[in-house]
């Protein structure tokens, strides 16, 4: 486990401890939004590359 990953896990655990279940719900929503943005970016990029 790298130091950056360990720091991220520690921050997530701390946020869960401080904010409780709301932090988990917000983290899930943020992850879903990130995945949706990534997928739409991949689709946009592949369509523009295919048009050339």
Protein backbone atom coordinates (compact mmCIF):
# COMPACT_ATOMS: atom_id res chain seq x y z
CA UNK A 1 0.00 0.00 0.00
CA UNK A 2 1.48 3.32 -1.02
CA UNK A 3 1.59 6.28 1.33
CA UNK A 4 -0.94 8.19 -0.80
CA UNK A 5 -3.41 5.31 -0.68
CA UNK A 6 -2.88 4.92 3.06
CA UNK A 7 -3.55 8.63 3.53
CA UNK A 8 -6.73 8.41 1.44
CA UNK A 9 -7.98 5.44 3.46
CA UNK A 10 -7.18 7.23 6.70
CA UNK A 11 -9.02 10.37 5.59
CA UNK A 12 -12.04 8.29 4.55
CA UNK A 13 -12.09 6.54 7.92
CA UNK A 14 -11.80 9.87 9.73
CA UNK A 15 -14.63 11.37 7.67
CA UNK A 16 -16.79 8.35 8.45
CA UNK A 17 -16.02 8.71 12.15
CA UNK A 18 -16.78 12.44 12.18
CA UNK A 19 -19.74 12.66 9.80
CA UNK A 20 -21.22 9.17 10.15
CA UNK A 21 -23.49 7.60 7.56
CA UNK A 22 -23.96 10.87 5.69
CA UNK A 23 -20.28 10.80 4.70
CA UNK A 24 -20.71 7.33 3.20
CA UNK A 25 -23.74 8.44 1.18
CA UNK A 26 -21.93 11.54 -0.08
CA UNK A 27 -18.83 9.51 -0.98
CA UNK A 28 -20.94 7.06 -2.98
CA UNK A 29 -22.65 9.89 -4.83
CA UNK A 30 -19.29 11.52 -5.57
CA UNK A 31 -17.93 8.21 -6.87
CA UNK A 32 -20.96 7.72 -9.11
CA UNK A 33 -20.62 11.26 -10.46
CA UNK A 34 -16.93 10.66 -11.18
CA UNK A 35 -17.65 7.43 -13.03
CA UNK A 36 -20.41 9.05 -15.08
CA UNK A 37 -18.11 11.95 -15.99
CA UNK A 38 -15.34 9.56 -16.98
CA UNK A 39 -17.64 7.45 -19.14
CA UNK A 40 -19.10 10.47 -20.89
CA UNK A 41 -15.56 11.79 -21.51
CA UNK A 42 -14.52 8.44 -23.00
CA UNK A 43 -17.56 8.40 -25.26
CA UNK A 44 -16.99 11.98 -26.38
CA UNK A 45 -13.34 11.26 -27.11
CA UNK A 46 -14.04 8.05 -29.02
CA UNK A 47 -16.73 9.73 -31.15
CA UNK A 48 -14.45 12.61 -32.08
CA UNK A 49 -11.58 10.23 -32.92
CA UNK A 50 -13.85 8.06 -35.04
CA UNK A 51 -15.07 11.05 -37.06
CA UNK A 52 -11.57 11.93 -38.26
